[in-house]
Amino acid sequence: MNSDNPTKQISFNLVAICVFAMTISSLVTPLLNISSTVPILIIFAIVVITTIDGFLLQSAAATILLDAIASTNPAYRQRIIEHEAGHFLVAHLLDIPITGYTLTAWESFKQGQSAQGGVMFAPPPASGISSQLLQQYCTVWMAGIAAEKSIYAGEVSRTEGRSEGGSEDLQKLRGVLFLAGKQQQQIVQQENLAILQAKVLIKDHWAAYQALVTAMTNRASVADCCQVIDLNKTKQLI
């Protein structure tokens, strides 16, 4: 996760708050007849744990904690499902094999991921990725953002990927395109094209997308989710 990750920034902020709290505690503890070493040791432990989490664990612990707290808000969890359903739908429509999905930071952590949710795909063929397949993967990576744009287009306070998925998806796409030798202007063009293609696919298969959101909310298996898409896609095409 990059340094512009909001969760990692929170970890740094927490360290600053702990340092401030340490200063205040040195003034308050004498009034409460508490040994000054107790709050200092507690705060020091928090600082050490937070620092280790931020630099060695890529803020995994902070992500899991904040995700668990935020999950008490149904709208937060719903937005993550809607985001990941966009990835899932577009990947299936483009025949990119899906191996699993997660909807919480803890599930993602156990799968070796760093976000609050994610859709896992089978690796590309060993023979390499063609330009067409690369564009398909770009479309899949942008599908979460495209889904949120489709649903929350009129929401003034909307932030791309309240689940942090939007920023991570963009980083992944830009990183891959950069390694593929693309120039900055080409990366922006391919990014915009991918979002547009994903939005069109989601719009054209809106019934399948809504059914998929429901299936993922109910934690349906990958196979069942794919079946839901195919059934509703067929209905939509009739």
C-alpha atoms as a PDB file:
ATOM      1  CA  MET A   1       0.000   0.000   0.000  1.00  0.00           C
ATOM      2  CA  ASN A   2       1.380   3.373  -0.957  1.00  0.00           C
ATOM      3  CA  SER A   3       2.214   6.216   1.397  1.00  0.00           C
ATOM      4  CA  ASP A   4      -0.823   8.129   0.189  1.00  0.00           C
ATOM      5  CA  ASN A   5      -3.034   5.394   1.623  1.00  0.00           C
ATOM      6  CA  PRO A   6      -5.466   7.016   4.100  1.00  0.00           C
ATOM      7  CA  THR A   7      -5.089   4.088   6.503  1.00  0.00           C
ATOM      8  CA  LYS A   8      -1.321   4.461   6.632  1.00  0.00           C
ATOM      9  CA  GLN A   9      -1.707   8.187   7.156  1.00  0.00           C
ATOM     10  CA  ILE A  10      -3.967   7.427  10.103  1.00  0.00           C
ATOM     11  CA  SER A  11      -1.199   5.263  11.565  1.00  0.00           C
ATOM     12  CA  PHE A  12       1.227   8.178  11.376  1.00  0.00           C
ATOM     13  CA  ASN A  13      -1.388  10.475  12.899  1.00  0.00           C
ATOM     14  CA  LEU A  14      -1.928   8.012  15.724  1.00  0.00           C
ATOM     15  CA  VAL A  15       1.780   8.123  16.554  1.00  0.00           C
ATOM     16  CA  ALA A  16       1.614  11.923  16.715  1.00  0.00           C
ATOM     17  CA  ILE A  17      -1.451  11.755  18.964  1.00  0.00           C
ATOM     18  CA  CYS A  18       0.301   9.292  21.272  1.00  0.00           C
ATOM     19  CA  VAL A  19       3.306  11.590  21.601  1.00  0.00           C
ATOM     20  CA  PHE A  20       0.975  14.447  22.459  1.00  0.00           C
ATOM     21  CA  ALA A  21      -0.892  12.239  24.955  1.00  0.00           C
ATOM     22  CA  MET A  22       2.422  11.296  26.576  1.00  0.00           C
ATOM     23  CA  THR A  23       3.163  14.956  27.161  1.00  0.00           C
ATOM     24  CA  ILE A  24      -0.286  15.608  28.651  1.00  0.00           C
ATOM     25  CA  SER A  25      -0.133  12.500  30.849  1.00  0.00           C
ATOM     26  CA  SER A  26       3.048  13.735  32.511  1.00  0.00           C
ATOM     27  CA  LEU A  27       1.030  16.725  33.724  1.00  0.00           C
ATOM     28  CA  VAL A  28      -2.180  14.908  34.665  1.00  0.00           C
ATOM     29  CA  THR A  29      -1.003  11.691  36.365  1.00  0.00           C
ATOM     30  CA  PRO A  30       0.332  13.444  39.511  1.00  0.00           C
ATOM     31  CA  LEU A  31      -3.150  14.868  40.094  1.00  0.00           C
ATOM     32  CA  LEU A  32      -4.708  11.378  39.853  1.00  0.00           C
ATOM     33  CA  ASN A  33      -2.139   9.665  42.079  1.00  0.00           C
ATOM     34  CA  ILE A  34      -1.092   7.387  39.225  1.00  0.00           C
ATOM     35  CA  SER A  35       2.489   6.468  38.594  1.00  0.00           C
ATOM     36  CA  SER A  36       3.734   8.439  35.615  1.00  0.00           C
ATOM     37  CA  THR A  37       5.418   5.327  34.237  1.00  0.00           C
ATOM     38  CA  VAL A  38       2.095   3.521  33.608  1.00  0.00           C
ATOM     39  CA  PRO A  39       0.633   5.807  30.910  1.00  0.00           C
ATOM     40  CA  ILE A  40       4.099   6.295  29.438  1.00  0.00           C
ATOM     41  CA  LEU A  41       4.584   2.539  29.040  1.00  0.00           C
ATOM     42  CA  ILE A  42       1.102   2.151  27.537  1.00  0.00           C
ATOM     43  CA  ILE A  43       1.600   4.988  25.093  1.00  0.00           C
ATOM     44  CA  PHE A  44       5.095   3.771  24.216  1.00  0.00           C
ATOM     45  CA  ALA A  45       3.694   0.313  23.450  1.00  0.00           C
ATOM     46  CA  ILE A  46       1.018   1.851  21.207  1.00  0.00           C
ATOM     47  CA  VAL A  47       3.630   3.909  19.374  1.00  0.00           C
ATOM     48  CA  VAL A  48       5.850   0.866  18.809  1.00  0.00           C
ATOM     49  CA  ILE A  49       2.972  -1.322  17.611  1.00  0.00           C
ATOM     50  CA  THR A  50       1.634   1.403  15.326  1.00  0.00           C
ATOM     51  CA  THR A  51       5.071   2.092  13.882  1.00  0.00           C
ATOM     52  CA  ILE A  52       5.719  -1.589  13.200  1.00  0.00           C
ATOM     53  CA  ASP A  53       2.279  -1.906  11.620  1.00  0.00           C
ATOM     54  CA  GLY A  54       2.844   1.120   9.399  1.00  0.00           C
ATOM     55  CA  PHE A  55       6.322   0.267   8.151  1.00  0.00           C
ATOM     56  CA  LEU A  56       6.520  -3.544   8.268  1.00  0.00           C
ATOM     57  CA  LEU A  57       2.901  -4.711   7.951  1.00  0.00           C
ATOM     58  CA  GLN A  58       1.779  -2.004   5.515  1.00  0.00           C
ATOM     59  CA  SER A  59      -0.821  -0.781   8.062  1.00  0.00           C
ATOM     60  CA  ALA A  60      -2.613  -4.137   8.027  1.00  0.00           C
ATOM     61  CA  ALA A  61      -3.569  -3.962  11.704  1.00  0.00           C
ATOM     62  CA  ALA A  62      -4.845  -0.389  11.361  1.00  0.00           C
ATOM     63  CA  THR A  63      -6.793  -1.365   8.254  1.00  0.00           C
ATOM     64  CA  ILE A  64      -8.435  -4.316  10.012  1.00  0.00           C
ATOM     65  CA  LEU A  65      -9.281  -2.235  13.087  1.00  0.00           C
ATOM     66  CA  LEU A  66     -10.700   0.696  11.152  1.00  0.00           C
ATOM     67  CA  ASP A  67     -12.611  -1.620   8.832  1.00  0.00           C
ATOM     68  CA  ALA A  68     -14.169  -3.412  11.810  1.00  0.00           C
ATOM     69  CA  ILE A  69     -15.242  -0.090  13.318  1.00  0.00           C
ATOM     70  CA  ALA A  70     -16.542   1.280  10.019  1.00  0.00           C
ATOM     71  CA  SER A  71     -18.460  -1.942   9.359  1.00  0.00           C
ATOM     72  CA  THR A  72     -20.946  -0.931  12.032  1.00  0.00           C
ATOM     73  CA  ASN A  73     -22.229   1.476   9.358  1.00  0.00           C
ATOM     74  CA  PRO A  74     -24.322  -0.567   6.869  1.00  0.00           C
ATOM     75  CA  ALA A  75     -23.724   2.013   4.117  1.00  0.00           C
ATOM     76  CA  TYR A  76     -19.956   1.472   4.364  1.00  0.00           C
ATOM     77  CA  ARG A  77     -20.199  -2.284   3.992  1.00  0.00           C
ATOM     78  CA  GLN A  78     -22.756  -1.960   1.185  1.00  0.00           C
ATOM     79  CA  ARG A  79     -20.414   0.293  -0.753  1.00  0.00           C
ATOM     80  CA  ILE A  80     -17.606  -2.235  -0.516  1.00  0.00           C
ATOM     81  CA  ILE A  81     -19.902  -4.971  -1.840  1.00  0.00           C
ATOM     82  CA  GLU A  82     -21.016  -2.733  -4.712  1.00  0.00           C
ATOM     83  CA  HIS A  83     -17.388  -1.930  -5.525  1.00  0.00           C
ATOM     84  CA  GLU A  84     -16.261  -5.561  -5.521  1.00  0.00           C
ATOM     85  CA  ALA A  85     -19.356  -6.662  -7.448  1.00  0.00           C
ATOM     86  CA  GLY A  86     -18.224  -4.351 -10.240  1.00  0.00           C
ATOM     87  CA  HIS A  87     -14.868  -6.160 -10.432  1.00  0.00           C
ATOM     88  CA  PHE A  88     -16.554  -9.556 -10.262  1.00  0.00           C
ATOM     89  CA  LEU A  89     -19.169  -8.863 -12.935  1.00  0.00           C
ATOM     90  CA  VAL A  90     -16.780  -7.380 -15.487  1.00  0.00           C
ATOM     91  CA  ALA A  91     -14.171 -10.111 -14.946  1.00  0.00           C
ATOM     92  CA  HIS A  92     -16.783 -12.793 -15.530  1.00  0.00           C
ATOM     93  CA  LEU A  93     -18.152 -11.046 -18.614  1.00  0.00           C
ATOM     94  CA  LEU A  94     -14.615 -10.816 -20.027  1.00  0.00           C
ATOM     95  CA  ASP A  95     -13.935 -14.499 -19.280  1.00  0.00           C
ATOM     96  CA  ILE A  96     -11.218 -13.800 -16.720  1.00  0.00           C
ATOM     97  CA  PRO A  97     -11.376 -16.707 -14.206  1.00  0.00           C
ATOM     98  CA  ILE A  98     -12.279 -15.663 -10.650  1.00  0.00           C
ATOM     99  CA  THR A  99     -10.781 -17.689  -7.811  1.00  0.00           C
ATOM    100  CA  GLY A 100     -12.334 -15.927  -4.824  1.00  0.00           C
ATOM    101  CA  TYR A 101     -13.466 -12.689  -3.226  1.00  0.00           C
ATOM    102  CA  THR A 102     -13.335 -10.995   0.170  1.00  0.00           C
ATOM    103  CA  LEU A 103     -15.502  -8.293   1.695  1.00  0.00           C
ATOM    104  CA  THR A 104     -13.651  -7.390   4.900  1.00  0.00           C
ATOM    105  CA  ALA A 105     -10.116  -6.350   5.760  1.00  0.00           C
ATOM    106  CA  TRP A 106      -9.657  -9.439   7.923  1.00  0.00           C
ATOM    107  CA  GLU A 107     -10.672 -11.762   5.078  1.00  0.00           C
ATOM    108  CA  SER A 108      -8.332  -9.884   2.746  1.00  0.00           C
ATOM    109  CA  PHE A 109      -5.463 -10.114   5.223  1.00  0.00           C
ATOM    110  CA  LYS A 110      -5.880 -13.895   5.457  1.00  0.00           C
ATOM    111  CA  GLN A 111      -5.723 -14.009   1.652  1.00  0.00           C
ATOM    112  CA  GLY A 112      -2.539 -11.924   1.600  1.00  0.00           C
ATOM    113  CA  GLN A 113      -4.305  -8.747   0.476  1.00  0.00           C
ATOM    114  CA  SER A 114      -4.142  -5.283   2.056  1.00  0.00           C
ATOM    115  CA  ALA A 115      -7.533  -3.768   1.231  1.00  0.00           C
ATOM    116  CA  GLN A 116     -10.978  -3.973   2.863  1.00  0.00           C
ATOM    117  CA  GLY A 117     -12.169  -6.286   0.126  1.00  0.00           C
ATOM    118  CA  GLY A 118     -11.072  -7.749  -3.142  1.00  0.00           C
ATOM    119  CA  VAL A 119     -11.738 -10.108  -6.041  1.00  0.00           C
ATOM    120  CA  MET A 120      -8.996 -12.612  -6.861  1.00  0.00           C
ATOM    121  CA  PHE A 121      -8.280 -13.769 -10.409  1.00  0.00           C
ATOM    122  CA  ALA A 122      -6.407 -16.673 -11.944  1.00  0.00           C
ATOM    123  CA  PRO A 123      -2.909 -15.693 -13.149  1.00  0.00           C
ATOM    124  CA  PRO A 124      -2.549 -14.735 -16.827  1.00  0.00           C
ATOM    125  CA  PRO A 125      -1.194 -17.337 -19.258  1.00  0.00           C
ATOM    126  CA  ALA A 126       2.511 -18.110 -18.973  1.00  0.00           C
ATOM    127  CA  SER A 127       2.966 -17.170 -22.614  1.00  0.00           C
ATOM    128  CA  GLY A 128       2.452 -13.512 -21.700  1.00  0.00           C
ATOM    129  CA  ILE A 129      -0.283 -10.918 -21.876  1.00  0.00           C
ATOM    130  CA  SER A 130      -1.412  -9.594 -25.236  1.00  0.00           C
ATOM    131  CA  SER A 131      -2.421  -5.956 -25.614  1.00  0.00           C
ATOM    132  CA  GLN A 132      -6.056  -7.067 -25.795  1.00  0.00           C
ATOM    133  CA  LEU A 133      -5.817  -9.097 -22.588  1.00  0.00           C
ATOM    134  CA  LEU A 134      -3.999  -6.236 -20.863  1.00  0.00           C
ATOM    135  CA  GLN A 135      -6.864  -3.897 -21.752  1.00  0.00           C
ATOM    136  CA  GLN A 136      -9.338  -6.436 -20.393  1.00  0.00           C
ATOM    137  CA  TYR A 137      -7.477  -6.575 -17.081  1.00  0.00           C
ATOM    138  CA  CYS A 138      -7.405  -2.767 -17.005  1.00  0.00           C
ATOM    139  CA  THR A 139     -11.167  -2.746 -17.518  1.00  0.00           C
ATOM    140  CA  VAL A 140     -11.591  -5.200 -14.638  1.00  0.00           C
ATOM    141  CA  TRP A 141      -9.357  -3.112 -12.350  1.00  0.00           C
ATOM    142  CA  MET A 142     -11.413  -0.004 -13.104  1.00  0.00           C
ATOM    143  CA  ALA A 143     -14.764  -1.794 -12.741  1.00  0.00           C
ATOM    144  CA  GLY A 144     -15.027  -1.084  -9.013  1.00  0.00           C
ATOM    145  CA  ILE A 145     -14.672   2.639  -9.592  1.00  0.00           C
ATOM    146  CA  ALA A 146     -17.039   2.392 -12.572  1.00  0.00           C
ATOM    147  CA  ALA A 147     -19.663   0.675 -10.406  1.00  0.00           C
ATOM    148  CA  GLU A 148     -19.445   3.383  -7.756  1.00  0.00           C
ATOM    149  CA  LYS A 149     -19.627   6.102 -10.398  1.00  0.00           C
ATOM    150  CA  SER A 150     -22.743   4.465 -11.815  1.00  0.00           C
ATOM    151  CA  ILE A 151     -24.459   4.300  -8.432  1.00  0.00           C
ATOM    152  CA  TYR A 152     -23.225   7.450  -6.694  1.00  0.00           C
ATOM    153  CA  ALA A 153     -22.773   9.810  -9.651  1.00  0.00           C
ATOM    154  CA  GLY A 154     -25.085  12.391  -8.098  1.00  0.00           C
ATOM    155  CA  GLU A 155     -23.580  12.233  -4.627  1.00  0.00           C
ATOM    156  CA  VAL A 156     -21.649  15.460  -4.067  1.00  0.00           C
ATOM    157  CA  SER A 157     -19.546  14.139  -1.193  1.00  0.00           C
ATOM    158  CA  ARG A 158     -18.660  10.891  -2.977  1.00  0.00           C
ATOM    159  CA  THR A 159     -15.064   9.750  -2.639  1.00  0.00           C
ATOM    160  CA  GLU A 160     -13.790   7.119  -5.033  1.00  0.00           C
ATOM    161  CA  GLY A 161     -13.559   3.842  -3.219  1.00  0.00           C
ATOM    162  CA  ARG A 162     -14.666   4.607   0.308  1.00  0.00           C
ATOM    163  CA  SER A 163     -13.230   1.096   0.812  1.00  0.00           C
ATOM    164  CA  GLU A 164      -9.862   2.436  -0.455  1.00  0.00           C
ATOM    165  CA  GLY A 165     -10.323   0.136  -3.397  1.00  0.00           C
ATOM    166  CA  GLY A 166     -10.420   2.969  -5.905  1.00  0.00           C
ATOM    167  CA  SER A 167      -6.964   4.307  -5.105  1.00  0.00           C
ATOM    168  CA  GLU A 168      -5.415   0.840  -4.941  1.00  0.00           C
ATOM    169  CA  ASP A 169      -6.995  -0.128  -8.255  1.00  0.00           C
ATOM    170  CA  LEU A 170      -5.583   2.997  -9.889  1.00  0.00           C
ATOM    171  CA  GLN A 171      -2.133   2.342  -8.453  1.00  0.00           C
ATOM    172  CA  LYS A 172      -2.203  -1.219  -9.755  1.00  0.00           C
ATOM    173  CA  LEU A 173      -3.301  -0.177 -13.246  1.00  0.00           C
ATOM    174  CA  ARG A 174      -0.803   2.674 -13.503  1.00  0.00           C
ATOM    175  CA  GLY A 175       2.022   0.500 -12.187  1.00  0.00           C
ATOM    176  CA  VAL A 176       1.360  -2.282 -14.690  1.00  0.00           C
ATOM    177  CA  LEU A 177       1.037   0.128 -17.612  1.00  0.00           C
ATOM    178  CA  PHE A 178       4.253   1.891 -16.582  1.00  0.00           C
ATOM    179  CA  LEU A 179       6.100  -1.436 -16.499  1.00  0.00           C
ATOM    180  CA  ALA A 180       4.605  -2.185 -19.910  1.00  0.00           C
ATOM    181  CA  GLY A 181       6.434   0.877 -21.239  1.00  0.00           C
ATOM    182  CA  LYS A 182       3.464   3.213 -21.524  1.00  0.00           C
ATOM    183  CA  GLN A 183       3.990   6.971 -21.358  1.00  0.00           C
ATOM    184  CA  GLN A 184       2.005   9.117 -18.910  1.00  0.00           C
ATOM    185  CA  GLN A 185      -0.426  10.333 -21.553  1.00  0.00           C
ATOM    186  CA  GLN A 186      -1.000   6.785 -22.781  1.00  0.00           C
ATOM    187  CA  ILE A 187      -1.612   5.603 -19.210  1.00  0.00           C
ATOM    188  CA  VAL A 188      -4.255   8.295 -18.662  1.00  0.00           C
ATOM    189  CA  GLN A 189      -5.945   7.457 -21.960  1.00  0.00           C
ATOM    190  CA  GLN A 190      -5.997   3.727 -21.224  1.00  0.00           C
ATOM    191  CA  GLU A 191      -7.259   4.397 -17.705  1.00  0.00           C
ATOM    192  CA  ASN A 192     -10.150   6.511 -19.001  1.00  0.00           C
ATOM    193  CA  LEU A 193     -10.950   3.959 -21.679  1.00  0.00           C
ATOM    194  CA  ALA A 194     -11.001   1.156 -19.100  1.00  0.00           C
ATOM    195  CA  ILE A 195     -13.415   3.064 -16.853  1.00  0.00           C
ATOM    196  CA  LEU A 196     -15.674   3.818 -19.816  1.00  0.00           C
ATOM    197  CA  GLN A 197     -15.675   0.192 -20.982  1.00  0.00           C
ATOM    198  CA  ALA A 198     -16.439  -1.028 -17.459  1.00  0.00           C
ATOM    199  CA  LYS A 199     -19.309   1.437 -17.064  1.00  0.00           C
ATOM    200  CA  VAL A 200     -20.816   0.305 -20.377  1.00  0.00           C
ATOM    201  CA  LEU A 201     -20.590  -3.367 -19.384  1.00  0.00           C
ATOM    202  CA  ILE A 202     -22.188  -2.709 -15.995  1.00  0.00           C
ATOM    203  CA  LYS A 203     -24.951  -0.597 -17.544  1.00  0.00           C
ATOM    204  CA  ASP A 204     -25.656  -3.178 -20.246  1.00  0.00           C
ATOM    205  CA  HIS A 205     -25.898  -5.917 -17.621  1.00  0.00           C
ATOM    206  CA  TRP A 206     -27.485  -3.919 -14.808  1.00  0.00           C
ATOM    207  CA  ALA A 207     -29.910  -6.676 -13.782  1.00  0.00           C
ATOM    208  CA  ALA A 208     -27.019  -9.126 -13.499  1.00  0.00           C
ATOM    209  CA  TYR A 209     -25.028  -6.598 -11.466  1.00  0.00           C
ATOM    210  CA  GLN A 210     -27.869  -6.013  -8.993  1.00  0.00           C
ATOM    211  CA  ALA A 211     -28.433  -9.752  -8.626  1.00  0.00           C
ATOM    212  CA  LEU A 212     -24.703 -10.220  -8.039  1.00  0.00           C
ATOM    213  CA  VAL A 213     -24.673  -7.559  -5.312  1.00  0.00           C
ATOM    214  CA  THR A 214     -27.437  -9.482  -3.547  1.00  0.00           C
ATOM    215  CA  ALA A 215     -25.594 -12.785  -3.977  1.00  0.00           C
ATOM    216  CA  MET A 216     -22.333 -11.357  -2.624  1.00  0.00           C
ATOM    217  CA  THR A 217     -24.189  -9.775   0.291  1.00  0.00           C
ATOM    218  CA  ASN A 218     -25.406 -13.270   1.132  1.00  0.00           C
ATOM    219  CA  ARG A 219     -21.815 -14.565   0.756  1.00  0.00           C
ATOM    220  CA  ALA A 220     -22.609 -16.849  -2.157  1.00  0.00           C
ATOM    221  CA  SER A 221     -19.759 -18.959  -3.513  1.00  0.00           C
ATOM    222  CA  VAL A 222     -17.826 -17.905  -6.610  1.00  0.00           C
ATOM    223  CA  ALA A 223     -19.604 -20.585  -8.649  1.00  0.00           C
ATOM    224  CA  ASP A 224     -23.023 -19.436  -7.447  1.00  0.00           C
ATOM    225  CA  CYS A 225     -22.175 -15.793  -8.172  1.00  0.00           C
ATOM    226  CA  CYS A 226     -21.131 -16.715 -11.712  1.00  0.00           C
ATOM    227  CA  GLN A 227     -24.373 -18.618 -12.152  1.00  0.00           C
ATOM    228  CA  VAL A 228     -26.363 -15.617 -10.931  1.00  0.00           C
ATOM    229  CA  ILE A 229     -24.658 -13.439 -13.532  1.00  0.00           C
ATOM    230  CA  ASP A 230     -25.299 -15.932 -16.333  1.00  0.00           C
ATOM    231  CA  LEU A 231     -28.957 -16.392 -15.411  1.00  0.00           C
ATOM    232  CA  ASN A 232     -29.662 -12.666 -15.237  1.00  0.00           C
ATOM    233  CA  LYS A 233     -27.497 -11.948 -18.270  1.00  0.00           C
ATOM    234  CA  THR A 234     -29.562 -14.447 -20.248  1.00  0.00           C
ATOM    235  CA  LYS A 235     -32.785 -12.859 -19.071  1.00  0.00           C
ATOM    236  CA  GLN A 236     -31.508  -9.461 -20.055  1.00  0.00           C
ATOM    237  CA  LEU A 237     -30.581 -10.588 -23.555  1.00  0.00           C
ATOM    238  CA  ILE A 238     -33.976 -12.169 -24.295  1.00  0.00           C
END
